[in-house]
Amino acid sequence: MATQRLPARKAIEWSVALELVTLAREHLDHLTPGERAHLIALLRKSRGRPGNLTAQERRDIKRLAGKLELVELGRRAMPVARRLRPVRD
């Protein structure tokens, strides 16, 4: 069985995706396993709608999101994600 080679563009996309996942994982490591499980449970319960959570649960999400340092993650991810944009002539 012959192996097929990925086009260069696909290889770049995979490398960028891997790098973004690695960055996200570094920030997720700021939470304890219990905090991660709690955050996941709250996100599932909310189904993307904050109104599905109690006021305390919304405060918990804000507190945990603060520990994730999402703004810093965005700053670090921006140069990596830019590599996905097509080059203009």
Protein backbone atom coordinates (compact mmCIF):
# COMPACT_ATOMS: atom_id res chain seq x y z
CA MET A 1 0.00 0.00 0.00
CA ALA A 2 1.53 3.30 -1.09
CA THR A 3 1.39 6.26 1.24
CA GLN A 4 -0.02 9.51 -0.03
CA ARG A 5 1.66 12.79 0.64
CA LEU A 6 -0.29 15.73 1.97
CA PRO A 7 -0.21 18.89 -0.11
CA ALA A 8 1.99 21.54 1.48
CA ARG A 9 -1.03 23.67 2.43
CA LYS A 10 -2.61 20.80 4.37
CA ALA A 11 0.66 20.10 6.18
CA ILE A 12 0.89 23.74 7.22
CA GLU A 13 -2.71 23.72 8.46
CA TRP A 14 -2.05 20.66 10.59
CA SER A 15 1.10 22.16 12.07
CA VAL A 16 -0.78 25.36 12.93
CA ALA A 17 -3.63 23.39 14.47
CA LEU A 18 -1.19 21.38 16.57
CA GLU A 19 0.55 24.53 17.75
CA LEU A 20 -2.79 26.15 18.71
CA VAL A 21 -3.84 23.03 20.63
CA THR A 22 -0.51 23.07 22.46
CA LEU A 23 -1.01 26.72 23.44
CA ALA A 24 -4.55 26.02 24.64
CA ARG A 25 -3.34 23.06 26.67
CA GLU A 26 -0.73 25.20 28.40
CA HIS A 27 -3.48 27.55 29.55
CA LEU A 28 -5.78 24.71 30.58
CA ASP A 29 -2.99 23.50 32.82
CA HIS A 30 -3.56 26.61 34.95
CA LEU A 31 -6.66 24.83 36.30
CA THR A 32 -6.65 21.85 38.62
CA PRO A 33 -8.30 18.67 37.33
CA GLY A 34 -11.29 19.39 39.59
CA GLU A 35 -11.62 22.93 38.23
CA ARG A 36 -11.43 21.64 34.65
CA ALA A 37 -14.16 19.10 35.34
CA HIS A 38 -16.33 21.77 37.00
CA LEU A 39 -15.83 24.16 34.07
CA ILE A 40 -16.72 21.47 31.54
CA ALA A 41 -19.84 20.55 33.51
CA LEU A 42 -20.93 24.19 33.63
CA LEU A 43 -20.31 24.69 29.92
CA ARG A 44 -22.34 21.59 29.10
CA LYS A 45 -25.15 22.69 31.39
CA SER A 46 -25.25 26.16 29.83
CA ARG A 47 -25.37 24.79 26.27
CA GLY A 48 -23.87 28.13 25.22
CA ARG A 49 -26.50 30.20 26.98
CA PRO A 50 -25.55 31.95 30.22
CA GLY A 51 -29.24 32.17 31.15
CA ASN A 52 -29.24 28.40 31.67
CA LEU A 53 -26.93 28.87 34.69
CA THR A 54 -27.51 30.28 38.13
CA ALA A 55 -25.78 33.52 39.14
CA GLN A 56 -23.27 31.53 41.21
CA GLU A 57 -22.49 29.23 38.28
CA ARG A 58 -21.88 32.26 36.03
CA ARG A 59 -19.51 33.67 38.66
CA ASP A 60 -17.71 30.31 38.75
CA ILE A 61 -17.22 30.40 34.98
CA LYS A 62 -15.86 33.95 35.15
CA ARG A 63 -13.45 32.99 37.94
CA LEU A 64 -12.21 29.92 36.08
CA ALA A 65 -11.93 31.81 32.79
CA GLY A 66 -9.79 34.38 34.62
CA LYS A 67 -7.41 31.64 35.68
CA LEU A 68 -7.14 30.51 32.05
CA GLU A 69 -5.73 33.92 31.06
CA LEU A 70 -7.72 33.94 27.82
CA VAL A 71 -6.48 37.37 26.73
CA GLU A 72 -2.89 36.16 26.97
CA LEU A 73 -3.84 33.00 25.08
CA GLY A 74 -5.30 35.16 22.31
CA ARG A 75 -2.14 37.25 22.13
CA ARG A 76 0.00 34.15 21.86
CA ALA A 77 -2.30 32.45 19.34
CA MET A 78 -2.68 35.43 16.98
CA PRO A 79 0.69 35.10 15.20
CA VAL A 80 0.18 31.36 14.84
CA ALA A 81 -3.35 31.70 13.44
CA ARG A 82 -2.23 34.35 10.95
CA ARG A 83 -0.31 31.65 9.11
CA LEU A 84 -3.66 30.20 8.02
CA ARG A 85 -4.67 33.31 6.11
CA PRO A 86 -4.05 33.26 2.39
CA VAL A 87 -1.24 35.46 1.11
CA ARG A 88 -2.40 38.43 -0.94
CA ASP A 89 -0.49 39.64 -3.99
